[in-house]
């Protein structure tokens, strides 16, 4: 199974702050399932910090959105908040923290594929809830 392309690979080519419309265009271009309502709900629920200044969103906000998008496949929002809160600052998840968490997720994905995929007759496109939950406990997420 091929590794997923990191949606933030070229984030430095984008303006350091973006409006919500620009964030949504970025997410659409990168194949992320993020809507305006989701962003507003994440802010309201304390999962994502509010925009800075006149509702501008930083690369750190986008990093948090990508992580939420990846983690919500396996975790509920309370667990995601517990995972992200320790690494979040007032503008989201710093890119260094994002890269560290994404590397851990990719490692889990690789372990899953090596251990289970050979016995399957199809591609494993997502980590099973059980494996990720077990690894999360191991990491004390």
Protein backbone atom coordinates (compact mmCIF):
# COMPACT_ATOMS: atom_id res chain seq x y z
CA UNK A 1 0.00 0.00 0.00
CA UNK A 2 1.41 3.40 -0.94
CA UNK A 3 1.86 6.03 1.72
CA UNK A 4 -0.55 8.94 1.66
CA UNK A 5 0.78 12.20 0.34
CA UNK A 6 1.19 14.73 3.13
CA UNK A 7 -1.31 17.54 2.47
CA UNK A 8 1.01 20.03 4.17
CA UNK A 9 4.07 19.06 2.12
CA UNK A 10 4.01 22.41 0.31
CA UNK A 11 2.28 24.53 2.98
CA UNK A 12 5.14 27.06 2.99
CA UNK A 13 4.13 28.00 -0.56
CA UNK A 14 0.86 29.38 0.82
CA UNK A 15 0.25 32.66 2.61
CA UNK A 16 0.99 32.44 6.36
CA UNK A 17 -2.62 33.38 7.13
CA UNK A 18 -5.76 32.61 5.15
CA UNK A 19 -9.44 33.40 5.30
CA UNK A 20 -11.83 30.54 5.95
CA UNK A 21 -12.69 30.51 2.23
CA UNK A 22 -9.01 30.13 1.35
CA UNK A 23 -8.64 27.34 3.92
CA UNK A 24 -11.62 25.53 2.39
CA UNK A 25 -10.12 25.86 -1.11
CA UNK A 26 -6.81 24.51 0.21
CA UNK A 27 -8.58 21.56 1.85
CA UNK A 28 -10.57 20.80 -1.29
CA UNK A 29 -7.41 20.91 -3.41
CA UNK A 30 -5.71 18.49 -1.00
CA UNK A 31 -8.67 16.10 -0.90
CA UNK A 32 -9.59 16.80 2.71
CA UNK A 33 -13.20 16.51 3.79
CA UNK A 34 -13.42 19.80 5.72
CA UNK A 35 -16.38 22.16 5.56
CA UNK A 36 -17.04 25.64 6.93
CA UNK A 37 -19.50 24.15 9.43
CA UNK A 38 -16.92 21.64 10.63
CA UNK A 39 -14.36 24.40 11.25
CA UNK A 40 -16.95 26.46 13.12
CA UNK A 41 -17.99 23.44 15.21
CA UNK A 42 -14.37 22.54 16.01
CA UNK A 43 -13.81 26.11 17.23
CA UNK A 44 -17.06 26.15 19.22
CA UNK A 45 -16.22 22.80 20.82
CA UNK A 46 -12.66 23.87 21.72
CA UNK A 47 -11.01 21.41 19.34
CA UNK A 48 -9.51 24.19 17.21
CA UNK A 49 -8.45 27.66 18.35
CA UNK A 50 -10.36 30.58 16.82
CA UNK A 51 -8.82 32.45 13.90
CA UNK A 52 -6.37 35.23 14.64
CA UNK A 53 -6.91 38.89 13.95
CA UNK A 54 -9.81 39.33 11.60
CA UNK A 55 -10.62 35.63 11.36
CA UNK A 56 -7.43 34.53 9.67
CA UNK A 57 -6.22 30.96 9.94
CA UNK A 58 -2.56 29.99 10.11
CA UNK A 59 -0.62 26.98 8.90
CA UNK A 60 -0.94 25.66 12.46
CA UNK A 61 -4.74 25.81 12.18
CA UNK A 62 -4.54 23.84 8.95
CA UNK A 63 -2.18 21.29 10.55
CA UNK A 64 -4.77 20.77 13.31
CA UNK A 65 -7.52 20.34 10.70
CA UNK A 66 -5.49 17.70 8.83
CA UNK A 67 -4.84 15.78 12.04
CA UNK A 68 -8.50 15.95 13.02
CA UNK A 69 -9.46 14.72 9.55
CA UNK A 70 -7.06 11.76 9.85
CA UNK A 71 -7.90 10.87 13.46
CA UNK A 72 -11.69 11.14 13.23
CA UNK A 73 -11.73 7.94 11.18
CA UNK A 74 -10.79 6.08 14.35
CA UNK A 75 -11.37 8.31 17.37
CA UNK A 76 -14.31 10.28 18.72
CA UNK A 77 -13.91 14.04 19.11
CA UNK A 78 -13.23 13.86 22.86
CA UNK A 79 -10.27 11.53 22.28
CA UNK A 80 -8.96 13.70 19.45
CA UNK A 81 -9.13 16.72 21.73
CA UNK A 82 -7.21 14.80 24.40
CA UNK A 83 -4.53 13.93 21.84
CA UNK A 84 -4.20 17.41 20.33
CA UNK A 85 -4.58 19.66 23.38
CA UNK A 86 -1.06 18.97 24.76
CA UNK A 87 0.58 19.91 21.44
CA UNK A 88 -1.72 22.79 20.46
CA UNK A 89 -0.91 26.45 20.85
CA UNK A 90 -3.11 29.53 20.33
CA UNK A 91 -3.01 29.08 16.54
CA UNK A 92 -3.29 25.31 16.24
CA UNK A 93 -0.74 22.51 16.00
CA UNK A 94 2.82 23.67 15.28
CA UNK A 95 4.15 22.12 12.07
CA UNK A 96 6.91 20.26 13.98
CA UNK A 97 4.32 18.59 16.23
CA UNK A 98 2.16 17.84 13.19
CA UNK A 99 5.08 16.15 11.44
CA UNK A 100 5.82 14.06 14.54
CA UNK A 101 2.22 12.88 14.91
CA UNK A 102 1.91 12.16 11.18
CA UNK A 103 5.12 10.11 11.30
CA UNK A 104 3.65 8.06 14.15
CA UNK A 105 0.44 7.50 12.21
CA UNK A 106 2.40 6.47 9.12
CA UNK A 107 4.41 4.06 11.26
CA UNK A 108 1.19 2.49 12.53
CA UNK A 109 -0.14 2.27 9.00
CA UNK A 110 3.06 0.55 7.82
CA UNK A 111 2.95 -1.89 10.74
CA UNK A 112 -0.68 -2.68 9.97
CA UNK A 113 0.05 -3.28 6.30
CA UNK A 114 3.07 -5.50 7.03
CA UNK A 115 1.24 -7.56 9.63
CA UNK A 116 -2.24 -7.92 8.20
CA UNK A 117 -2.40 -6.92 4.57
CA UNK A 118 -0.60 -10.00 3.18
CA UNK A 119 -3.40 -12.17 4.52
CA UNK A 120 -6.10 -10.04 2.88
CA UNK A 121 -7.31 -10.24 -0.67
CA UNK A 122 -7.70 -6.46 -0.95
CA UNK A 123 -5.84 -3.28 -0.02
CA UNK A 124 -6.17 -2.04 3.56
CA UNK A 125 -6.97 1.63 3.12
CA UNK A 126 -7.34 2.57 6.77
CA UNK A 127 -6.01 1.46 10.11
CA UNK A 128 -8.45 -0.68 12.01
CA UNK A 129 -9.88 0.91 15.09
CA UNK A 130 -8.54 -1.83 17.31
CA UNK A 131 -4.89 -1.49 16.23
CA UNK A 132 -4.83 2.29 16.41
CA UNK A 133 -6.55 2.32 19.80
CA UNK A 134 -4.00 -0.17 21.15
CA UNK A 135 -1.10 1.88 19.83
CA UNK A 136 -2.65 5.07 21.20
CA UNK A 137 -2.75 3.51 24.66
CA UNK A 138 0.88 2.49 24.22
CA UNK A 139 1.78 6.09 23.35
CA UNK A 140 -0.40 7.32 26.25
CA UNK A 141 -2.25 9.60 23.87
